[in-house]
Amino acid sequence: MSREHRERGKHRELLVGTPAEVLTKIARGDPLRLRRAIAASLRARCQILDGDLVLVRALAVCADRADEGRAARWLLGWIRSCVEEAVDTLLEEDARPHPEESSTSSQVERRTAFRRFNRRPHDERRAFYSLLIHRRSIDELAHENRTSVTLCAQRARRAWLALTLDHAG
């Protein structure tokens, strides 16, 4: 039996039981490597969310959909779909008004900044990610997007401004 086959069987065993039992098993040590899938999802979408919050939501989704995971031909695809569902749900929740938050002011400010950033157009978030996260050159980004350096800089700047905590709106 190949190592990959043993790993797949071990992961499928984690998905046996009630949602509460599955949650208990998959929450210990990240055996499904959800953190890696979350990072990949957020990077691909050029979105910023609290990674721990996404992890908690993804764990709940995986536990809830464990029967599908055991039956899935491609476990990694199932894990990705659970992560995407968690991210989508959090983004939808963030789009709704939050009149009273029960967190510290710095947590509320951070989430508010993330919401503003995530509502920016994809081309702005992508410019920000490319230049500030991936440290690509602005010339390379402009060439790839067949646009001007100035436009790329403006896009990245608008996304950056959305993240500044003292930015109004």
N, C-alpha and C. Protein backbone atom coordinates (compact mmCIF):
# COMPACT_ATOMS: atom_id res chain seq x y z
N MET A 1 0.85 -1.18 0.00
CA MET A 1 0.00 0.00 0.00
C MET A 1 0.89 1.24 0.00
N SER A 2 0.60 2.16 -0.87
CA SER A 2 1.41 3.37 -1.00
C SER A 2 1.19 4.30 0.20
N ARG A 3 2.17 5.16 0.41
CA ARG A 3 2.09 6.14 1.51
C ARG A 3 0.87 7.05 1.32
N GLU A 4 0.64 7.47 0.06
CA GLU A 4 -0.49 8.34 -0.24
C GLU A 4 -1.81 7.65 0.11
N HIS A 5 -1.91 6.36 -0.21
CA HIS A 5 -3.13 5.61 0.08
C HIS A 5 -3.34 5.50 1.59
N ARG A 6 -2.26 5.24 2.35
CA ARG A 6 -2.36 5.17 3.82
C ARG A 6 -2.79 6.51 4.40
N GLU A 7 -2.19 7.59 3.89
CA GLU A 7 -2.54 8.94 4.36
C GLU A 7 -4.02 9.23 4.12
N ARG A 8 -4.49 8.90 2.92
CA ARG A 8 -5.89 9.14 2.57
C ARG A 8 -6.80 8.35 3.51
N GLY A 9 -6.45 7.10 3.78
CA GLY A 9 -7.24 6.28 4.71
C GLY A 9 -7.25 6.86 6.11
N LYS A 10 -6.09 7.35 6.56
CA LYS A 10 -5.99 7.96 7.89
C LYS A 10 -6.87 9.21 7.97
N HIS A 11 -6.84 10.02 6.92
CA HIS A 11 -7.65 11.23 6.91
C HIS A 11 -9.14 10.89 6.88
N ARG A 12 -9.50 9.86 6.14
CA ARG A 12 -10.91 9.48 6.08
C ARG A 12 -11.39 8.95 7.43
N GLU A 13 -10.52 8.29 8.19
CA GLU A 13 -10.88 7.82 9.53
C GLU A 13 -11.23 8.98 10.46
N LEU A 14 -10.59 10.12 10.24
CA LEU A 14 -10.88 11.30 11.05
C LEU A 14 -12.32 11.77 10.85
N LEU A 15 -12.91 11.41 9.72
CA LEU A 15 -14.24 11.91 9.35
C LEU A 15 -15.36 10.95 9.74
N VAL A 16 -15.06 9.97 10.57
CA VAL A 16 -16.05 9.00 11.02
C VAL A 16 -16.61 9.45 12.37
N GLY A 17 -17.94 9.45 12.48
CA GLY A 17 -18.59 9.80 13.74
C GLY A 17 -19.57 10.95 13.57
N THR A 18 -20.11 11.39 14.68
CA THR A 18 -21.02 12.53 14.66
C THR A 18 -20.22 13.79 14.36
N PRO A 19 -20.89 14.86 13.94
CA PRO A 19 -20.16 16.11 13.71
C PRO A 19 -19.32 16.54 14.92
N ALA A 20 -19.85 16.36 16.12
CA ALA A 20 -19.09 16.74 17.33
C ALA A 20 -17.85 15.86 17.49
N GLU A 21 -17.97 14.57 17.22
CA GLU A 21 -16.83 13.66 17.32
C GLU A 21 -15.78 13.99 16.26
N VAL A 22 -16.25 14.25 15.06
CA VAL A 22 -15.32 14.60 13.96
C VAL A 22 -14.61 15.90 14.29
N LEU A 23 -15.35 16.88 14.78
CA LEU A 23 -14.75 18.17 15.13
C LEU A 23 -13.65 17.99 16.17
N THR A 24 -13.89 17.17 17.16
CA THR A 24 -12.88 16.91 18.19
C THR A 24 -11.61 16.32 17.58
N LYS A 25 -11.77 15.42 16.62
CA LYS A 25 -10.60 14.77 15.99
C LYS A 25 -9.84 15.72 15.06
N ILE A 26 -10.57 16.48 14.26
CA ILE A 26 -9.88 17.30 13.25
C ILE A 26 -9.35 18.61 13.82
N ALA A 27 -9.79 18.99 15.01
CA ALA A 27 -9.33 20.25 15.60
C ALA A 27 -7.96 20.09 16.27
N ARG A 28 -7.53 18.89 16.52
CA ARG A 28 -6.24 18.64 17.17
C ARG A 28 -5.12 18.59 16.15
N GLY A 29 -4.29 19.61 16.12
CA GLY A 29 -3.07 19.57 15.31
C GLY A 29 -3.25 19.79 13.82
N ASP A 30 -4.41 20.14 13.36
CA ASP A 30 -4.66 20.42 11.94
C ASP A 30 -4.29 19.25 11.02
N PRO A 31 -4.83 18.06 11.30
CA PRO A 31 -4.48 16.89 10.48
C PRO A 31 -4.95 16.97 9.03
N LEU A 32 -5.97 17.78 8.76
CA LEU A 32 -6.44 17.94 7.37
C LEU A 32 -5.69 19.05 6.64
N ARG A 33 -4.76 19.68 7.33
CA ARG A 33 -3.95 20.78 6.78
C ARG A 33 -4.85 21.91 6.26
N LEU A 34 -5.83 22.25 7.08
CA LEU A 34 -6.76 23.31 6.71
C LEU A 34 -6.06 24.67 6.64
N ARG A 35 -5.10 24.91 7.51
CA ARG A 35 -4.41 26.21 7.49
C ARG A 35 -3.75 26.45 6.12
N ARG A 36 -3.15 25.43 5.58
CA ARG A 36 -2.52 25.55 4.26
C ARG A 36 -3.56 25.86 3.18
N ALA A 37 -4.70 25.16 3.25
CA ALA A 37 -5.77 25.38 2.26
C ALA A 37 -6.38 26.77 2.42
N ILE A 38 -6.48 27.25 3.65
CA ILE A 38 -7.01 28.59 3.91
C ILE A 38 -6.07 29.64 3.34
N ALA A 39 -4.79 29.49 3.59
CA ALA A 39 -3.81 30.45 3.06
C ALA A 39 -3.87 30.48 1.54
N ALA A 40 -3.96 29.31 0.92
CA ALA A 40 -4.02 29.24 -0.55
C ALA A 40 -5.28 29.92 -1.07
N SER A 41 -6.40 29.69 -0.41
CA SER A 41 -7.66 30.29 -0.83
C SER A 41 -7.61 31.81 -0.73
N LEU A 42 -7.16 32.32 0.40
CA LEU A 42 -7.11 33.77 0.59
C LEU A 42 -6.12 34.42 -0.37
N ARG A 43 -5.02 33.74 -0.62
CA ARG A 43 -4.02 34.26 -1.57
C ARG A 43 -4.61 34.31 -2.99
N ALA A 44 -5.29 33.26 -3.39
CA ALA A 44 -5.87 33.21 -4.74
C ALA A 44 -6.97 34.26 -4.92
N ARG A 45 -7.72 34.51 -3.87
CA ARG A 45 -8.81 35.48 -3.93
C ARG A 45 -8.32 36.92 -3.67
N CYS A 46 -7.10 37.04 -3.18
CA CYS A 46 -6.58 38.36 -2.76
C CYS A 46 -7.49 38.96 -1.70
N GLN A 47 -7.83 38.15 -0.71
CA GLN A 47 -8.70 38.58 0.38
C GLN A 47 -7.91 38.54 1.68
N ILE A 48 -8.36 39.31 2.65
CA ILE A 48 -7.75 39.30 3.98
C ILE A 48 -8.84 39.01 4.99
N LEU A 49 -8.68 37.94 5.73
CA LEU A 49 -9.58 37.58 6.83
C LEU A 49 -8.73 37.10 7.99
N ASP A 50 -9.29 37.10 9.16
CA ASP A 50 -8.62 36.56 10.33
C ASP A 50 -8.48 35.04 10.13
N GLY A 51 -7.25 34.57 10.01
CA GLY A 51 -7.01 33.16 9.72
C GLY A 51 -7.59 32.22 10.76
N ASP A 52 -7.54 32.61 12.03
CA ASP A 52 -8.09 31.75 13.08
C ASP A 52 -9.61 31.66 12.97
N LEU A 53 -10.24 32.76 12.61
CA LEU A 53 -11.69 32.75 12.42
C LEU A 53 -12.07 31.87 11.23
N VAL A 54 -11.32 31.95 10.16
CA VAL A 54 -11.58 31.08 9.00
C VAL A 54 -11.35 29.62 9.38
N LEU A 55 -10.30 29.36 10.15
CA LEU A 55 -10.03 27.98 10.57
C LEU A 55 -11.18 27.41 11.39
N VAL A 56 -11.68 28.17 12.35
CA VAL A 56 -12.79 27.69 13.18
C VAL A 56 -14.00 27.39 12.30
N ARG A 57 -14.29 28.29 11.36
CA ARG A 57 -15.43 28.09 10.48
C ARG A 57 -15.19 26.88 9.58
N ALA A 58 -13.98 26.73 9.05
CA ALA A 58 -13.68 25.60 8.16
C ALA A 58 -13.77 24.28 8.93
N LEU A 59 -13.31 24.27 10.17
CA LEU A 59 -13.43 23.06 10.99
C LEU A 59 -14.90 22.66 11.14
N ALA A 60 -15.75 23.65 11.41
CA ALA A 60 -17.19 23.38 11.56
C ALA A 60 -17.79 22.86 10.26
N VAL A 61 -17.41 23.45 9.14
CA VAL A 61 -17.92 23.00 7.84
C VAL A 61 -17.47 21.56 7.58
N CYS A 62 -16.20 21.28 7.82
CA CYS A 62 -15.69 19.92 7.60
C CYS A 62 -16.41 18.90 8.48
N ALA A 63 -16.62 19.24 9.74
CA ALA A 63 -17.32 18.33 10.65
C ALA A 63 -18.75 18.11 10.19
N ASP A 64 -19.38 19.17 9.74
CA ASP A 64 -20.76 19.10 9.27
C ASP A 64 -20.89 18.28 7.99
N ARG A 65 -19.88 18.35 7.14
CA ARG A 65 -19.92 17.67 5.84
C ARG A 65 -19.03 16.42 5.81
N ALA A 66 -18.76 15.84 6.96
CA ALA A 66 -17.83 14.69 7.05
C ALA A 66 -18.26 13.51 6.19
N ASP A 67 -19.57 13.27 6.09
CA ASP A 67 -20.05 12.15 5.25
C ASP A 67 -19.60 12.33 3.81
N GLU A 68 -19.69 13.58 3.30
CA GLU A 68 -19.23 13.87 1.94
C GLU A 68 -17.73 13.64 1.81
N GLY A 69 -16.99 14.03 2.83
CA GLY A 69 -15.53 13.87 2.82
C GLY A 69 -15.11 12.42 2.75
N ARG A 70 -15.80 11.57 3.51
CA ARG A 70 -15.47 10.13 3.47
C ARG A 70 -15.76 9.55 2.10
N ALA A 71 -16.80 10.04 1.43
CA ALA A 71 -17.20 9.50 0.13
C ALA A 71 -16.46 10.15 -1.04
N ALA A 72 -15.81 11.26 -0.81
CA ALA A 72 -15.17 12.00 -1.90
C ALA A 72 -14.03 11.21 -2.51
N ARG A 73 -13.96 11.22 -3.84
CA ARG A 73 -12.85 10.56 -4.54
C ARG A 73 -11.56 11.31 -4.31
N TRP A 74 -11.68 12.63 -4.24
CA TRP A 74 -10.50 13.46 -4.12
C TRP A 74 -10.62 14.27 -2.83
N LEU A 75 -10.00 13.80 -1.76
CA LEU A 75 -10.13 14.41 -0.45
C LEU A 75 -9.66 15.87 -0.44
N LEU A 76 -8.59 16.14 -1.17
CA LEU A 76 -8.07 17.51 -1.21
C LEU A 76 -9.11 18.46 -1.81
N GLY A 77 -9.80 18.02 -2.83
CA GLY A 77 -10.86 18.83 -3.43
C GLY A 77 -11.99 19.09 -2.44
N TRP A 78 -12.34 18.08 -1.65
CA TRP A 78 -13.37 18.25 -0.64
C TRP A 78 -12.92 19.24 0.43
N ILE A 79 -11.66 19.13 0.86
CA ILE A 79 -11.12 20.06 1.86
C ILE A 79 -11.18 21.49 1.30
N ARG A 80 -10.75 21.65 0.07
CA ARG A 80 -10.79 22.99 -0.56
C ARG A 80 -12.21 23.53 -0.61
N SER A 81 -13.17 22.67 -0.94
CA SER A 81 -14.56 23.14 -1.02
C SER A 81 -15.08 23.55 0.36
N CYS A 82 -14.67 22.85 1.40
CA CYS A 82 -15.05 23.23 2.77
C CYS A 82 -14.45 24.58 3.14
N VAL A 83 -13.19 24.78 2.79
CA VAL A 83 -12.53 26.06 3.06
C VAL A 83 -13.21 27.18 2.28
N GLU A 84 -13.51 26.94 1.00
CA GLU A 84 -14.17 27.96 0.19
C GLU A 84 -15.54 28.32 0.79
N GLU A 85 -16.26 27.33 1.26
CA GLU A 85 -17.56 27.60 1.89
C GLU A 85 -17.38 28.45 3.14
N ALA A 86 -16.37 28.14 3.95
CA ALA A 86 -16.09 28.91 5.16
C ALA A 86 -15.74 30.36 4.82
N VAL A 87 -14.88 30.54 3.84
CA VAL A 87 -14.47 31.89 3.43
C VAL A 87 -15.67 32.65 2.87
N ASP A 88 -16.44 32.01 1.99
CA ASP A 88 -17.62 32.66 1.41
C ASP A 88 -18.60 33.10 2.49
N THR A 89 -18.84 32.24 3.46
CA THR A 89 -19.76 32.56 4.55
C THR A 89 -19.27 33.75 5.36
N LEU A 90 -17.98 33.77 5.67
CA LEU A 90 -17.43 34.88 6.44
C LEU A 90 -17.49 36.18 5.65
N LEU A 91 -17.20 36.13 4.37
CA LEU A 91 -17.29 37.33 3.54
C LEU A 91 -18.73 37.83 3.44
N GLU A 92 -19.68 36.91 3.34
CA GLU A 92 -21.09 37.30 3.31
C GLU A 92 -21.50 37.94 4.64
N GLU A 93 -21.05 37.35 5.74
CA GLU A 93 -21.35 37.93 7.06
C GLU A 93 -20.72 39.31 7.20
N ASP A 94 -19.51 39.46 6.69
CA ASP A 94 -18.83 40.75 6.77
C ASP A 94 -19.53 41.82 5.94
N ALA A 95 -20.27 41.41 4.92
CA ALA A 95 -20.97 42.38 4.08
C ALA A 95 -22.20 42.96 4.77
N ARG A 96 -22.69 42.27 5.81
CA ARG A 96 -23.85 42.77 6.55
C ARG A 96 -23.40 43.76 7.62
N PRO A 97 -24.29 44.69 7.99
CA PRO A 97 -23.93 45.66 9.04
C PRO A 97 -23.66 44.98 10.38
N HIS A 98 -22.75 45.54 11.15
CA HIS A 98 -22.38 45.02 12.46
C HIS A 98 -22.53 46.13 13.50
N PRO A 99 -23.77 46.40 13.93
CA PRO A 99 -23.99 47.53 14.82
C PRO A 99 -23.27 47.41 16.17
N GLU A 100 -23.27 46.24 16.76
CA GLU A 100 -22.62 46.08 18.06
C GLU A 100 -21.68 44.88 18.00
N GLU A 101 -20.41 45.16 18.10
CA GLU A 101 -19.41 44.09 18.12
C GLU A 101 -19.01 43.86 19.57
N SER A 102 -18.82 42.61 19.95
CA SER A 102 -18.49 42.30 21.34
C SER A 102 -17.01 42.00 21.52
N SER A 103 -16.17 42.59 20.72
CA SER A 103 -14.73 42.36 20.79
C SER A 103 -14.04 43.63 21.27
N THR A 104 -12.74 43.54 21.49
CA THR A 104 -11.99 44.72 21.87
C THR A 104 -11.96 45.69 20.70
N SER A 105 -11.68 46.95 20.98
CA SER A 105 -11.70 47.95 19.92
C SER A 105 -10.67 47.66 18.84
N SER A 106 -9.50 47.13 19.21
CA SER A 106 -8.49 46.83 18.18
C SER A 106 -8.94 45.69 17.28
N GLN A 107 -9.65 44.70 17.83
CA GLN A 107 -10.17 43.62 17.01
C GLN A 107 -11.25 44.13 16.07
N VAL A 108 -12.11 44.99 16.58
CA VAL A 108 -13.17 45.57 15.75
C VAL A 108 -12.55 46.41 14.64
N GLU A 109 -11.55 47.22 14.96
CA GLU A 109 -10.88 48.04 13.95
C GLU A 109 -10.23 47.19 12.88
N ARG A 110 -9.59 46.10 13.29
CA ARG A 110 -8.94 45.21 12.32
C ARG A 110 -9.97 44.57 11.40
N ARG A 111 -11.05 44.05 11.98
CA ARG A 111 -12.08 43.43 11.15
C ARG A 111 -12.73 44.46 10.22
N THR A 112 -12.91 45.67 10.71
CA THR A 112 -13.49 46.72 9.87
C THR A 112 -12.56 47.03 8.70
N ALA A 113 -11.26 47.10 8.98
CA ALA A 113 -10.28 47.34 7.90
C ALA A 113 -10.29 46.19 6.90
N PHE A 114 -10.36 44.96 7.37
CA PHE A 114 -10.41 43.80 6.48
C PHE A 114 -11.67 43.86 5.61
N ARG A 115 -12.80 44.24 6.22
CA ARG A 115 -14.05 44.35 5.45
C ARG A 115 -13.90 45.37 4.33
N ARG A 116 -13.33 46.53 4.68
CA ARG A 116 -13.15 47.57 3.65
C ARG A 116 -12.26 47.05 2.53
N PHE A 117 -11.16 46.39 2.89
CA PHE A 117 -10.24 45.86 1.89
C PHE A 117 -10.96 44.83 1.01
N ASN A 118 -11.66 43.90 1.61
CA ASN A 118 -12.31 42.82 0.88
C ASN A 118 -13.42 43.31 -0.03
N ARG A 119 -13.97 44.51 0.23
CA ARG A 119 -14.99 45.09 -0.65
C ARG A 119 -14.39 45.84 -1.83
N ARG A 120 -13.08 46.07 -1.80
CA ARG A 120 -12.43 46.75 -2.93
C ARG A 120 -12.50 45.85 -4.16
N PRO A 121 -12.46 46.42 -5.36
CA PRO A 121 -12.46 45.59 -6.58
C PRO A 121 -11.24 44.65 -6.61
N HIS A 122 -11.44 43.53 -7.26
CA HIS A 122 -10.39 42.51 -7.31
C HIS A 122 -9.09 43.06 -7.88
N ASP A 123 -9.15 43.91 -8.91
CA ASP A 123 -7.91 44.42 -9.51
C ASP A 123 -7.11 45.25 -8.50
N GLU A 124 -7.78 45.95 -7.59
CA GLU A 124 -7.07 46.71 -6.55
C GLU A 124 -6.45 45.76 -5.53
N ARG A 125 -7.22 44.77 -5.08
CA ARG A 125 -6.68 43.81 -4.11
C ARG A 125 -5.52 43.04 -4.72
N ARG A 126 -5.65 42.69 -6.00
CA ARG A 126 -4.59 41.94 -6.68
C ARG A 126 -3.32 42.78 -6.80
N ALA A 127 -3.46 44.06 -7.12
CA ALA A 127 -2.29 44.94 -7.20
C ALA A 127 -1.61 45.03 -5.83
N PHE A 128 -2.40 45.18 -4.79
CA PHE A 128 -1.86 45.23 -3.43
C PHE A 128 -1.10 43.95 -3.11
N TYR A 129 -1.74 42.81 -3.35
CA TYR A 129 -1.11 41.51 -3.06
C TYR A 129 0.19 41.35 -3.86
N SER A 130 0.12 41.67 -5.12
CA SER A 130 1.29 41.49 -5.98
C SER A 130 2.47 42.34 -5.51
N LEU A 131 2.20 43.59 -5.20
CA LEU A 131 3.29 44.51 -4.85
C LEU A 131 3.73 44.38 -3.40
N LEU A 132 2.80 44.29 -2.48
CA LEU A 132 3.16 44.33 -1.06
C LEU A 132 3.30 42.97 -0.41
N ILE A 133 2.55 42.01 -0.84
CA ILE A 133 2.63 40.68 -0.23
C ILE A 133 3.66 39.82 -0.98
N HIS A 134 3.54 39.78 -2.31
CA HIS A 134 4.44 38.94 -3.11
C HIS A 134 5.71 39.66 -3.53
N ARG A 135 5.78 40.96 -3.27
CA ARG A 135 6.96 41.78 -3.54
C ARG A 135 7.41 41.75 -5.00
N ARG A 136 6.42 41.77 -5.88
CA ARG A 136 6.74 41.83 -7.31
C ARG A 136 7.00 43.28 -7.69
N SER A 137 7.66 43.48 -8.78
CA SER A 137 7.93 44.85 -9.22
C SER A 137 6.69 45.43 -9.88
N ILE A 138 6.55 46.73 -9.78
CA ILE A 138 5.40 47.39 -10.37
C ILE A 138 5.47 47.33 -11.91
N ASP A 139 6.68 47.33 -12.45
CA ASP A 139 6.84 47.20 -13.90
C ASP A 139 6.34 45.84 -14.39
N GLU A 140 6.69 44.80 -13.64
CA GLU A 140 6.26 43.45 -13.98
C GLU A 140 4.73 43.34 -13.93
N LEU A 141 4.13 43.91 -12.89
CA LEU A 141 2.68 43.87 -12.75
C LEU A 141 2.00 44.64 -13.89
N ALA A 142 2.51 45.81 -14.20
CA ALA A 142 1.93 46.62 -15.29
C ALA A 142 2.03 45.88 -16.61
N HIS A 143 3.18 45.26 -16.88
CA HIS A 143 3.36 44.51 -18.12
C HIS A 143 2.38 43.33 -18.18
N GLU A 144 2.27 42.60 -17.08
CA GLU A 144 1.38 41.44 -17.03
C GLU A 144 -0.08 41.85 -17.26
N ASN A 145 -0.47 43.00 -16.71
CA ASN A 145 -1.86 43.46 -16.83
C ASN A 145 -2.11 44.35 -18.04
N ARG A 146 -1.03 44.58 -18.81
CA ARG A 146 -1.12 45.43 -20.01
C ARG A 146 -1.75 46.79 -19.67
N THR A 147 -1.20 47.38 -18.62
CA THR A 147 -1.67 48.67 -18.16
C THR A 147 -0.49 49.51 -17.73
N SER A 148 -0.75 50.72 -17.31
CA SER A 148 0.36 51.61 -16.94
C SER A 148 0.82 51.36 -15.50
N VAL A 149 2.04 51.74 -15.25
CA VAL A 149 2.61 51.67 -13.91
C VAL A 149 1.78 52.56 -12.97
N THR A 150 1.37 53.70 -13.48
CA THR A 150 0.58 54.64 -12.67
C THR A 150 -0.73 54.01 -12.23
N LEU A 151 -1.41 53.34 -13.14
CA LEU A 151 -2.68 52.71 -12.80
C LEU A 151 -2.47 51.60 -11.78
N CYS A 152 -1.43 50.81 -11.94
CA CYS A 152 -1.13 49.76 -10.96
C CYS A 152 -0.87 50.35 -9.58
N ALA A 153 -0.12 51.42 -9.53
CA ALA A 153 0.18 52.08 -8.26
C ALA A 153 -1.10 52.65 -7.63
N GLN A 154 -1.96 53.23 -8.44
CA GLN A 154 -3.22 53.77 -7.92
C GLN A 154 -4.09 52.66 -7.35
N ARG A 155 -4.16 51.55 -8.04
CA ARG A 155 -4.96 50.42 -7.55
C ARG A 155 -4.44 49.92 -6.21
N ALA A 156 -3.13 49.70 -6.13
CA ALA A 156 -2.54 49.21 -4.89
C ALA A 156 -2.75 50.21 -3.75
N ARG A 157 -2.62 51.48 -4.07
CA ARG A 157 -2.79 52.52 -3.05
C ARG A 157 -4.22 52.55 -2.51
N ARG A 158 -5.21 52.41 -3.39
CA ARG A 158 -6.60 52.40 -2.94
C ARG A 158 -6.86 51.21 -2.01
N ALA A 159 -6.29 50.05 -2.32
CA ALA A 159 -6.44 48.89 -1.45
C ALA A 159 -5.73 49.14 -0.12
N TRP A 160 -4.55 49.74 -0.19
CA TRP A 160 -3.80 50.06 1.03
C TRP A 160 -4.60 51.02 1.91
N LEU A 161 -5.19 52.03 1.32
CA LEU A 161 -5.97 53.00 2.08
C LEU A 161 -7.17 52.34 2.77
N ALA A 162 -7.74 51.33 2.12
CA ALA A 162 -8.85 50.61 2.74
C ALA A 162 -8.41 49.90 4.01
N LEU A 163 -7.14 49.54 4.08
CA LEU A 163 -6.63 48.82 5.26
C LEU A 163 -6.23 49.74 6.41
N THR A 164 -5.97 50.98 6.12
CA THR A 164 -5.53 51.85 7.20
C THR A 164 -6.68 52.04 8.17
N LEU A 165 -6.39 51.82 9.42
CA LEU A 165 -7.44 51.79 10.44
C LEU A 165 -8.14 53.12 10.64
N ASP A 166 -7.45 54.23 10.35
CA ASP A 166 -8.07 55.53 10.56
C ASP A 166 -8.74 56.07 9.31
N HIS A 167 -8.84 55.23 8.28
CA HIS A 167 -9.47 55.62 7.01
C HIS A 167 -10.98 55.62 7.19
N ALA A 168 -11.63 56.67 6.87
CA ALA A 168 -13.09 56.75 7.01
C ALA A 168 -13.77 56.25 5.74
N GLY A 169 -14.57 55.21 5.86
CA GLY A 169 -15.36 54.72 4.72
C GLY A 169 -14.64 53.74 3.96
